[in-house]
Protein backbone atom coordinates (compact mmCIF):
# COMPACT_ATOMS: atom_id res chain seq x y z
CA MET A 1 9.11 -14.73 18.96
CA GLN A 2 7.66 -11.66 20.63
CA GLN A 3 5.29 -9.19 19.01
CA PRO A 4 7.24 -6.86 16.69
CA LYS A 5 7.82 -3.38 18.08
CA ILE A 6 6.88 -0.16 16.32
CA CYS A 7 9.91 2.08 15.93
CA LEU A 8 9.48 5.73 14.95
CA CYS A 9 12.29 7.24 12.87
CA LEU A 10 13.20 10.75 14.02
CA THR A 11 14.82 12.85 11.31
CA CYS A 12 14.55 16.45 12.49
CA SER A 13 17.56 18.75 12.69
CA THR A 14 17.27 19.42 16.45
CA LEU A 15 16.65 17.27 19.52
CA ALA A 16 13.77 19.53 20.56
CA GLU A 17 12.00 19.05 17.23
CA ASN A 18 12.52 15.30 17.42
CA LEU A 19 11.10 15.24 20.94
CA GLU A 20 8.06 17.17 19.74
CA VAL A 21 7.44 14.58 17.01
CA LEU A 22 7.93 11.75 19.49
CA GLU A 23 5.37 13.25 21.89
CA LYS A 24 2.84 13.52 19.07
CA TYR A 25 3.11 9.81 18.28
CA ARG A 26 4.06 8.39 21.68
CA GLN A 27 0.84 6.42 22.13
CA TRP A 28 1.32 4.70 18.77
CA ILE A 29 4.92 3.49 19.16
CA ASP A 30 7.12 1.31 21.37
CA MET A 31 10.50 2.87 20.67
CA ALA A 32 12.23 5.39 18.43
CA GLU A 33 15.34 5.70 16.30
CA LEU A 34 17.31 8.93 16.65
CA ARG A 35 18.79 9.52 13.22
CA ALA A 36 21.72 11.63 14.39
CA ASP A 37 22.92 11.95 10.79
CA TYR A 38 20.00 14.35 10.26
CA LEU A 39 20.91 16.54 13.25
CA SER A 40 22.75 19.82 12.76
CA ASP A 41 26.43 19.78 13.74
CA ASP A 42 25.77 21.64 17.01
CA GLU A 43 22.89 19.37 18.01
CA ARG A 44 24.98 16.24 17.50
CA LEU A 45 27.11 17.28 20.48
CA TYR A 46 24.16 16.65 22.81
CA ILE A 47 22.79 13.31 21.60
CA ARG A 48 23.73 11.68 24.91
CA ARG A 49 20.84 13.57 26.54
CA PHE A 50 18.13 12.27 24.29
CA PRO A 51 17.27 8.86 25.87
CA ALA A 52 16.43 10.54 29.19
CA MET A 53 14.41 13.20 27.38
CA ALA A 54 12.48 10.60 25.39
CA GLY A 55 11.56 8.20 28.18
CA ILE A 56 11.27 5.21 25.82
CA PRO A 57 13.89 2.87 24.31
CA ILE A 58 15.96 4.73 21.71
CA ILE A 59 18.18 3.47 18.90
CA LEU A 60 21.21 5.62 18.09
CA THR A 61 21.83 5.63 14.35
CA ILE A 62 24.32 7.71 12.38
CA ARG A 63 23.72 6.48 8.86
CA ARG A 64 26.24 6.92 6.05
CA VAL A 65 25.14 8.14 2.62
CA VAL A 66 26.02 4.80 1.03
CA ASP A 67 23.54 3.12 3.39
CA GLY A 68 20.74 5.57 2.74
CA GLY A 69 21.69 8.18 5.35
CA VAL A 70 22.91 11.76 5.13
CA TYR A 71 26.10 11.68 7.24
CA LYS A 72 28.93 13.02 5.09
CA GLY A 73 31.77 13.22 7.63
CA GLY A 74 34.65 10.78 7.90
CA GLU A 75 34.54 7.48 9.75
CA ALA A 76 36.77 8.76 12.56
CA ALA A 77 34.37 11.62 13.28
CA ARG A 78 31.36 9.29 13.05
CA THR A 79 32.96 6.83 15.47
CA ALA A 80 33.75 9.62 17.89
CA LEU A 81 30.12 10.73 17.73
CA MET A 82 28.95 7.20 18.52
CA ALA A 83 31.31 7.13 21.50
CA ARG A 84 29.87 10.43 22.70
CA GLY A 85 26.40 8.92 22.55
CA LEU A 86 27.43 5.98 24.74
CA ALA A 87 29.65 7.91 27.17
CA PHE A 88 28.88 8.58 30.84
CA ALA A 89 26.45 5.71 31.09
CA SER A 90 23.85 5.97 33.81
CA GLN A 91 23.11 3.20 36.29
CA ASP A 92 19.50 3.79 35.28
CA THR A 93 19.67 2.07 31.90
CA THR A 94 16.50 3.80 30.71
CA LYS A 95 18.61 6.97 30.43
CA ASN A 96 21.07 5.26 28.07
CA PHE A 97 20.59 4.38 24.43
CA ALA A 98 18.86 1.00 24.40
CA TYR A 99 20.32 0.14 20.98
CA ILE A 100 23.02 1.34 18.63
CA ASP A 101 22.95 0.58 14.90
CA LEU A 102 26.35 -0.44 13.52
CA GLU A 103 26.87 -1.45 9.90
CA GLU A 104 28.14 -4.92 9.12
CA ASP A 105 31.52 -3.57 7.98
CA LEU A 106 32.07 -1.31 10.99
CA ASP A 107 34.42 -3.05 13.41
CA VAL A 108 35.33 -0.78 16.31
CA PRO A 109 36.03 -2.91 19.43
CA SER A 110 35.84 0.08 21.79
CA ILE A 111 32.30 0.94 20.65
CA GLN A 112 31.22 -2.68 20.79
CA ASP A 113 32.73 -3.19 24.26
CA ALA A 114 31.15 0.00 25.56
CA ALA A 115 27.75 -1.04 24.27
CA LEU A 116 28.09 -4.44 25.95
CA ALA A 117 29.21 -2.87 29.22
CA PHE A 118 26.41 -0.31 29.28
CA GLY A 119 23.60 -2.70 28.36
CA THR A 120 23.14 -1.22 24.87
CA ARG A 121 22.23 -3.87 22.32
CA ILE A 122 23.91 -3.70 18.93
CA ILE A 123 21.81 -3.80 15.78
CA ARG A 124 24.24 -5.06 13.16
CA SER A 125 22.85 -3.85 9.85
CA MET A 126 23.36 -4.12 6.13
CA HIS A 127 21.53 -2.04 3.51
CA ASN A 128 21.14 -2.71 -0.16
CA MET A 129 19.61 0.42 -1.63
CA LYS A 130 19.36 -0.95 -5.19
CA ASP A 131 18.58 -4.66 -5.02
CA THR A 132 17.23 -7.51 -2.95
CA VAL A 133 19.22 -9.85 -0.70
CA THR A 134 19.13 -13.57 -1.30
CA ASP A 135 19.64 -16.33 1.27
CA ILE A 136 18.55 -14.27 4.26
CA PRO A 137 19.53 -16.91 6.87
CA ALA A 138 23.11 -17.06 5.56
CA LYS A 139 23.37 -13.27 5.42
CA MET A 140 22.03 -12.93 8.95
CA ALA A 141 24.51 -15.49 10.22
CA GLN A 142 27.33 -13.64 8.48
CA ILE A 143 26.60 -10.21 9.95
CA ARG A 144 25.60 -11.45 13.43
CA LYS A 145 28.94 -11.34 15.21
CA THR A 146 27.64 -12.38 18.64
CA GLY A 147 24.44 -13.85 20.03
CA TYR A 148 23.87 -10.53 21.78
CA GLU A 149 23.53 -8.63 18.51
CA ILE A 150 20.40 -8.19 16.42
CA PRO A 151 21.20 -8.68 12.71
CA LYS A 152 19.30 -6.46 10.29
CA VAL A 153 18.82 -6.78 6.54
CA ALA A 154 17.19 -3.91 4.66
CA CYS A 155 16.95 -4.41 0.91
CA THR A 156 15.14 -3.12 -2.17
CA PRO A 157 13.08 -5.80 -3.94
CA ARG A 158 12.73 -5.46 -7.69
CA SER A 159 9.46 -7.37 -7.77
CA LEU A 160 6.98 -9.09 -5.48
CA VAL A 161 8.88 -12.33 -6.10
CA ASP A 162 11.76 -10.93 -4.06
CA VAL A 163 9.34 -10.08 -1.23
CA SER A 164 7.96 -13.62 -1.30
CA THR A 165 11.48 -14.99 -0.97
CA LEU A 166 12.19 -12.70 1.98
CA PHE A 167 9.07 -13.92 3.79
CA LYS A 168 9.90 -17.57 3.17
CA GLU A 169 13.50 -17.28 4.31
CA SER A 170 12.94 -15.02 7.32
CA ALA A 171 10.15 -16.97 8.97
CA ALA A 172 12.51 -19.80 9.97
CA LEU A 173 14.93 -17.59 11.96
CA ASP A 174 14.70 -18.39 15.68
CA TYR A 175 16.55 -15.39 17.13
CA ASP A 176 15.97 -11.63 17.24
CA HIS A 177 16.41 -10.17 13.78
CA ILE A 178 15.15 -7.31 11.66
CA VAL A 179 14.12 -7.57 8.02
CA CYS A 180 12.48 -4.87 5.97
CA CYS A 181 11.89 -4.11 2.34
CA MET A 182 12.42 -0.64 0.93
CA GLY A 183 10.95 0.99 -2.14
CA LEU A 184 7.90 0.15 -4.23
CA PHE A 185 7.22 -3.30 -2.75
CA SER A 186 7.83 -2.45 0.90
CA ILE A 187 4.38 -2.40 2.51
CA PRO A 188 3.83 -6.15 3.14
CA SER A 189 7.09 -6.47 5.08
CA ARG A 190 6.31 -3.37 7.13
CA VAL A 191 2.76 -4.32 8.10
CA LEU A 192 3.29 -8.09 8.35
CA ALA A 193 6.50 -7.96 10.39
CA GLU A 194 5.01 -10.66 12.59
CA ARG A 195 5.12 -13.07 9.64
CA THR A 196 8.84 -12.45 9.04
CA GLY A 197 9.57 -12.64 12.77
CA SER A 198 11.11 -9.19 12.62
CA PHE A 199 12.06 -7.65 15.96
CA LEU A 200 10.59 -4.33 14.87
CA THR A 201 9.07 -2.39 12.02
CA TYR A 202 10.15 1.15 11.18
CA CYS A 203 7.67 3.95 10.61
CA SER A 204 7.81 7.69 9.93
CA PRO A 205 5.41 10.55 10.58
CA PRO A 206 3.72 12.01 7.51
CA GLY A 207 4.25 15.55 6.33
CA VAL A 208 6.63 18.04 7.90
CA ASN A 209 10.17 17.04 8.89
CA VAL A 210 10.17 13.85 6.86
CA ASP A 211 12.95 13.62 4.32
CA GLU A 212 11.69 12.64 0.86
CA ALA A 213 14.35 9.93 0.54
CA LEU A 214 13.23 8.37 3.82
CA THR A 215 9.62 8.36 2.68
CA LYS A 216 10.63 6.53 -0.49
CA LEU A 217 12.02 3.72 1.67
CA GLY A 218 8.43 2.67 2.25
CA HIS A 219 7.90 3.70 5.85
CA VAL A 220 4.28 3.59 7.02
CA ASP A 221 2.66 6.28 9.13
CA PRO A 222 2.58 5.05 12.80
CA ILE A 223 -1.08 5.98 13.19
CA GLN A 224 -1.96 4.02 10.04
CA LEU A 225 -0.08 1.01 11.37
CA ASN A 226 -2.29 1.01 14.45
CA THR A 227 -5.66 2.31 13.32
CA LEU A 228 -5.78 1.09 9.73
CA TYR A 229 -3.79 -2.15 9.89
CA ASN A 230 -4.30 -2.98 13.59
CA PHE A 231 -0.58 -3.86 13.72
CA ARG A 232 -0.36 -4.70 17.42
CA ALA A 233 -3.09 -7.34 17.15
CA ILE A 234 -1.57 -9.26 14.23
CA ASP A 235 -0.49 -12.72 15.36
CA GLU A 236 -0.06 -16.22 13.97
CA LYS A 237 -3.85 -16.69 13.90
CA THR A 238 -4.61 -13.50 11.98
CA GLU A 239 -6.29 -14.20 8.64
CA LEU A 240 -4.73 -12.30 5.76
CA PHE A 241 -6.46 -10.58 2.84
CA GLY A 242 -5.31 -7.95 0.40
CA ILE A 243 -5.64 -6.03 -2.83
CA THR A 244 -3.22 -6.38 -5.72
CA GLY A 245 -2.60 -4.31 -8.80
CA TYR A 246 -0.12 -1.88 -10.29
CA PRO A 247 0.74 0.88 -9.60
CA LEU A 248 -1.82 0.62 -6.76
CA THR A 249 -1.11 4.14 -5.53
CA HIS A 250 -4.67 5.22 -4.74
CA THR A 251 -6.83 2.64 -2.99
CA LEU A 252 -9.25 2.96 -0.09
CA SER A 253 -10.07 -0.76 -0.02
CA PRO A 254 -7.90 -1.41 3.10
CA ASN A 255 -9.88 1.23 4.98
CA LEU A 256 -13.21 -0.43 4.16
CA HIS A 257 -12.20 -4.04 4.74
CA ASN A 258 -10.20 -3.45 7.93
CA GLU A 259 -13.04 -1.38 9.37
CA GLY A 260 -15.33 -4.34 8.68
CA TYR A 261 -13.03 -6.74 10.51
CA ARG A 262 -12.88 -4.42 13.53
CA THR A 263 -16.66 -3.94 13.57
CA HIS A 264 -17.24 -7.70 13.55
CA GLY A 265 -14.42 -8.47 16.01
CA MET A 266 -12.50 -10.54 13.46
CA ASN A 267 -8.80 -11.32 13.78
CA ALA A 268 -7.96 -10.35 10.20
CA VAL A 269 -6.06 -7.73 8.23
CA TYR A 270 -6.24 -6.51 4.63
CA ILE A 271 -3.16 -4.98 3.00
CA PRO A 272 -2.09 -3.51 -0.37
CA ILE A 273 0.16 -5.83 -2.40
CA LYS A 274 1.69 -3.99 -5.31
CA SER A 275 2.64 -6.27 -8.21
CA ASP A 276 2.99 -5.87 -11.96
CA SER A 277 2.29 -9.60 -12.32
CA VAL A 278 -0.90 -11.20 -11.06
CA LYS A 279 0.86 -14.58 -10.93
CA ASP A 280 3.42 -13.13 -8.52
CA ALA A 281 0.58 -11.80 -6.36
CA LEU A 282 -1.16 -15.18 -6.29
CA ASP A 283 2.12 -16.92 -5.43
CA PHE A 284 2.68 -14.44 -2.60
CA ALA A 285 -0.86 -15.10 -1.34
CA GLY A 286 -0.13 -18.82 -1.38
CA ILE A 287 3.11 -18.47 0.59
CA LEU A 288 1.36 -16.44 3.29
CA GLU A 289 -1.77 -18.64 3.16
CA MET A 290 -3.96 -15.64 2.47
CA LYS A 291 -7.71 -16.16 2.40
CA GLY A 292 -8.63 -13.75 -0.37
CA LEU A 293 -7.49 -11.08 -2.79
CA SER A 294 -9.14 -8.10 -4.40
CA ILE A 295 -7.94 -7.72 -7.98
CA THR A 296 -7.64 -4.30 -9.56
CA VAL A 297 -6.08 -2.79 -12.69
CA PRO A 298 -4.40 -4.12 -14.70
CA HIS A 299 -5.00 -7.71 -13.57
CA LYS A 300 -8.77 -8.23 -13.79
CA GLU A 301 -8.53 -10.16 -17.04
CA ASP A 302 -5.10 -11.76 -16.68
CA VAL A 303 -6.11 -13.43 -13.41
CA LEU A 304 -8.61 -15.67 -15.22
CA ALA A 305 -5.85 -17.98 -16.44
CA TYR A 306 -4.93 -18.91 -12.84
CA LEU A 307 -8.36 -19.61 -11.39
CA ASP A 308 -9.68 -23.10 -10.62
CA SER A 309 -13.33 -22.04 -10.84
CA VAL A 310 -15.35 -18.89 -11.50
CA SER A 311 -18.79 -17.51 -10.73
CA PRO A 312 -21.41 -17.16 -13.50
CA GLU A 313 -20.80 -13.39 -13.52
CA VAL A 314 -17.08 -13.85 -14.18
CA GLU A 315 -17.83 -16.35 -16.90
CA THR A 316 -20.06 -13.82 -18.66
CA ILE A 317 -18.10 -10.63 -17.95
CA GLU A 318 -14.70 -12.26 -18.54
CA ALA A 319 -13.13 -10.16 -15.80
CA CYS A 320 -12.56 -10.93 -12.12
CA ASN A 321 -12.01 -8.56 -9.21
CA THR A 322 -12.28 -11.01 -6.31
CA VAL A 323 -10.38 -14.24 -5.61
CA VAL A 324 -11.26 -16.48 -2.70
CA CYS A 325 -8.49 -18.87 -1.70
CA GLY A 326 -10.01 -22.09 -0.39
CA LYS A 327 -9.33 -25.77 0.04
CA THR A 328 -10.50 -26.47 -3.50
CA GLY A 329 -8.27 -23.81 -5.03
CA LEU A 330 -8.82 -20.28 -6.30
CA THR A 331 -12.37 -19.17 -7.06
CA GLY A 332 -13.02 -15.98 -8.99
CA TYR A 333 -15.94 -13.60 -8.55
CA ASN A 334 -16.92 -10.21 -9.95
CA THR A 335 -18.43 -7.80 -7.44
CA ASP A 336 -17.77 -4.73 -9.63
CA ALA A 337 -20.97 -5.25 -11.63
CA GLU A 338 -23.20 -5.52 -8.57
CA GLY A 339 -21.42 -2.64 -6.86
CA PHE A 340 -21.73 -0.44 -9.93
CA GLU A 341 -25.41 -1.27 -10.44
CA LYS A 342 -26.34 -0.33 -6.87
CA ALA A 343 -24.29 2.87 -6.98
CA LEU A 344 -25.62 3.92 -10.39
CA LEU A 345 -29.30 3.41 -9.56
CA ALA A 346 -28.87 5.39 -6.35
CA PHE A 347 -27.20 8.21 -8.30
CA LEU A 348 -29.78 8.34 -11.08
CA GLN A 349 -32.79 7.62 -8.84
CA VAL A 350 -34.24 5.22 -11.40
CA LYS A 351 -35.12 1.54 -11.41
CA ASN A 352 -33.53 0.72 -14.76
CA LEU A 353 -32.00 2.25 -17.90
CA ARG A 354 -34.73 1.22 -20.32
CA GLY A 355 -34.74 3.50 -23.36
CA LYS A 356 -31.68 5.45 -22.16
CA ARG A 357 -28.60 5.96 -24.31
CA VAL A 358 -25.37 5.37 -22.45
CA ALA A 359 -21.74 6.02 -23.40
CA ILE A 360 -19.19 3.65 -21.89
CA ILE A 361 -15.66 5.07 -22.01
CA GLY A 362 -13.07 2.30 -22.12
CA ALA A 363 -13.09 -1.42 -22.78
CA GLY A 364 -10.95 -2.94 -20.02
CA GLY A 365 -11.84 -5.07 -17.02
CA ALA A 366 -13.90 -2.38 -15.31
CA ALA A 367 -15.71 -1.54 -18.55
CA LYS A 368 -16.68 -5.18 -18.91
CA ALA A 369 -18.42 -5.13 -15.53
CA VAL A 370 -20.10 -1.82 -16.36
CA ALA A 371 -21.32 -3.10 -19.75
CA TYR A 372 -22.73 -6.21 -18.06
CA ALA A 373 -24.66 -4.02 -15.59
CA VAL A 374 -25.91 -1.59 -18.26
CA HIS A 375 -27.18 -4.51 -20.34
CA LYS A 376 -28.85 -6.03 -17.29
CA LEU A 377 -30.56 -2.68 -16.64
CA LYS A 378 -31.88 -2.59 -20.25
CA GLY A 379 -29.74 0.36 -21.33
CA ARG A 380 -28.73 1.09 -24.95
CA ALA A 381 -25.01 1.71 -25.01
CA CYS A 382 -22.08 2.58 -27.20
CA VAL A 383 -18.57 1.58 -26.16
CA PHE A 384 -15.89 4.15 -26.93
CA ASN A 385 -12.26 3.06 -26.81
CA ARG A 386 -8.99 4.17 -28.39
CA THR A 387 -8.44 0.64 -29.69
CA LEU A 388 -11.50 -0.02 -31.84
CA SER A 389 -11.09 -3.81 -31.89
CA ASN A 390 -11.39 -3.96 -28.09
CA ALA A 391 -14.48 -1.77 -28.18
CA ARG A 392 -16.04 -4.06 -30.77
CA LEU A 393 -15.35 -7.23 -28.77
CA LEU A 394 -17.08 -5.81 -25.73
CA ALA A 395 -19.96 -4.12 -27.55
CA GLU A 396 -20.96 -7.04 -29.75
CA LYS A 397 -21.35 -9.23 -26.71
CA TYR A 398 -24.39 -7.22 -25.65
CA GLY A 399 -25.59 -5.86 -28.96
CA PHE A 400 -24.16 -2.41 -28.23
CA LYS A 401 -22.64 0.00 -30.71
CA TYR A 402 -18.93 0.82 -30.64
CA ALA A 403 -16.68 3.63 -31.78
CA VAL A 404 -13.21 5.12 -31.54
CA LEU A 405 -12.65 7.38 -28.56
CA GLY A 406 -11.72 10.58 -30.33
CA MET A 407 -13.01 13.67 -32.10
CA GLU A 408 -13.91 11.68 -35.20
CA ASP A 409 -16.78 10.04 -33.31
CA GLN A 410 -17.80 13.04 -31.24
CA LYS A 411 -21.27 13.16 -32.84
CA LEU A 412 -21.93 9.58 -31.79
CA LEU A 413 -20.80 10.38 -28.27
CA GLU A 414 -23.26 13.27 -28.22
CA LYS A 415 -26.01 10.87 -29.29
CA TYR A 416 -25.23 8.51 -26.38
CA SER A 417 -24.64 11.21 -23.79
CA TRP A 418 -27.70 10.89 -21.55
CA LEU A 419 -25.32 9.04 -19.25
CA ILE A 420 -21.54 8.99 -19.72
CA ILE A 421 -19.66 6.36 -17.73
CA GLN A 422 -15.88 6.72 -17.53
CA THR A 423 -14.24 3.35 -16.74
CA THR A 424 -10.54 3.86 -17.49
CA SER A 425 -7.74 4.70 -15.03
CA VAL A 426 -7.17 8.05 -16.76
CA GLY A 427 -7.62 10.73 -14.11
CA MET A 428 -6.59 8.60 -11.15
CA GLY A 429 -4.58 10.73 -8.75
CA ALA A 430 -4.72 13.67 -11.16
CA GLY A 431 -4.35 17.29 -10.18
CA GLU A 432 -7.23 19.75 -10.45
CA ASN A 433 -6.01 21.33 -13.70
CA ASP A 434 -4.49 18.28 -15.34
CA THR A 435 -6.30 18.45 -18.67
CA ALA A 436 -4.31 15.48 -19.99
CA ALA A 437 -6.13 13.35 -17.41
CA ASP A 438 -9.51 13.94 -19.05
CA PRO A 439 -10.20 11.03 -21.46
CA ILE A 440 -12.89 12.98 -23.35
CA ALA A 441 -11.31 16.43 -23.28
CA PHE A 442 -12.51 16.92 -26.87
CA TYR A 443 -16.18 16.66 -25.83
CA GLY A 444 -18.16 19.81 -25.03
CA PHE A 445 -20.71 19.29 -22.26
CA THR A 446 -24.14 20.89 -22.65
CA GLY A 447 -25.15 20.50 -19.01
CA SER A 448 -27.84 17.91 -19.73
CA GLU A 449 -25.50 14.93 -19.33
CA GLN A 450 -25.14 12.78 -16.26
CA VAL A 451 -21.53 11.74 -15.74
CA TYR A 452 -20.28 8.82 -13.67
CA ASP A 453 -16.53 8.30 -13.22
CA ILE A 454 -15.51 5.06 -11.49
CA ILE A 455 -12.40 6.80 -10.11
CA TYR A 456 -12.77 8.07 -6.54
CA ASN A 457 -9.31 9.55 -5.95
CA PRO A 458 -9.36 12.47 -6.49
CA GLU A 459 -12.94 13.06 -5.43
CA LYS A 460 -13.45 15.09 -8.59
CA THR A 461 -11.35 14.11 -11.57
CA PRO A 462 -10.65 16.73 -14.26
CA LEU A 463 -13.49 15.13 -16.23
CA LEU A 464 -16.00 15.42 -13.38
CA ARG A 465 -14.87 18.93 -12.53
CA ARG A 466 -15.36 20.06 -16.13
CA ALA A 467 -18.76 18.34 -16.34
CA GLU A 468 -19.91 19.95 -13.10
CA GLU A 469 -18.85 23.39 -14.26
CA ALA A 470 -21.04 22.85 -17.34
CA GLY A 471 -24.05 22.09 -15.15
CA CYS A 472 -24.04 18.27 -15.39
CA ARG A 473 -24.96 15.96 -12.54
CA ILE A 474 -21.85 14.02 -11.52
CA CYS A 475 -20.86 11.07 -9.37
CA ASN A 476 -17.49 9.50 -8.59
CA GLY A 477 -16.75 5.83 -7.94
CA TYR A 478 -16.64 5.81 -4.17
CA SER A 479 -20.15 4.45 -3.76
CA MET A 480 -19.32 1.71 -6.26
CA LEU A 481 -16.16 0.94 -4.28
CA LYS A 482 -18.17 0.57 -1.09
CA HIS A 483 -20.83 -1.68 -2.55
CA GLN A 484 -18.38 -3.98 -4.32
CA ALA A 485 -16.17 -4.09 -1.20
CA TYR A 486 -19.15 -5.05 0.97
CA LYS A 487 -19.85 -7.99 -1.32
CA GLN A 488 -16.17 -8.96 -1.33
CA PHE A 489 -16.14 -8.88 2.46
CA GLU A 490 -19.05 -11.31 2.54
CA LEU A 491 -17.35 -13.62 0.03
CA PHE A 492 -14.13 -13.54 2.05
CA THR A 493 -15.65 -14.04 5.51
CA GLY A 494 -19.11 -15.48 5.02
CA VAL A 495 -20.53 -12.57 7.05
CA PRO A 496 -22.52 -9.60 5.67
CA TYR A 497 -20.59 -6.34 6.00
CA GLU A 498 -23.61 -4.49 7.35
CA ASN A 499 -26.05 -6.22 9.66
């Protein structure tokens, strides 16, 4: 199988606008798909001109609404438009459409014969906008009418299990084919098209002229494909790593890890793997023979049940954020504690927390790593959590106090406010004025507090913004992310991130 191509979807209303988008991304792509269903009625009359204007291989697609497109005309009009796109073929085939996308149930011999005569390959596609497709080889064989056609299956997995099945079933296909996942679990199939043997992967430009529905299909930005995921260099020898969690909407871990691989000249890639089940993520990693996984919320505690061995830190903290997949099985580590300790000491400009009263907000997997580090640094802490029993379990482990996170224990929070550490996911991705995303909105800052929020997206959560306005020193979790990622990188590769 050849290296998968990068295909840019063009969804503007005019040919000129589409050409402008194509020029902007030309260096990052191999071909483009002209979505003629997005063109205005007048512009559709001139689609035949576009391949010569573009200067790269172009797919002609006029997608029906039922298949995720926006074409609302009748089938006779759509067929006539396809014929217009193929008409007056040039002897210079680069000026013709290189491909035409025809749905599996569209059987128009004249279009098919014209495509064959003019050297235009047919992509024979099926789309399931609501569910996955099982038995990919059988489905491909069913929709592939001739050996000249490229069968395409685009489906919408309901879980990572469906994605795992797609990878297993697609890898064995020994002819040109296209497979892609849409929706929440789409990214692995888009970035790792080489592993499914897909002929191409679709991408879309971010921002202007991108239809919201198309974005929801899971298309990746073409620049990200190249500069973040190093798509063109992925081959059968590429080592795979990733981060798993749910909803996994705001993570910079791929940026850090993939930059490390590039700096050290490693043939490796690190991708986001959204999953609401850590078992599904580990199974997926096994199918793709991945070398390591970063574990984030909400899986840092659940993952323990599936590990073959753990580091002393994991055994004490009872939370794991790093899994190394080796010959002896799955080994769990916790780099959050070390990353947090380094980041915190740099922020506070101290050597330890001896004699300092610290409030830890939350009692989940991240809080466990933070509590471990605070105890190691000799701090005196109180754990505040909405569920008191969880706060007690964590606090008693280190001889800390514990309390309910609410106005009833505001006085205690004031007492432990020299340093306030926010460890929950509340505030992640929040807007500037989203007061509901402030886990201690009831607390009035005096300006003497130092506030650390482990969230780094946004740069300033509503909590940090409010604390800063009151005169407090603040720090977000980006430095913690970097330090823990550097340690993960070393565990994954055996090489220090920074020499």
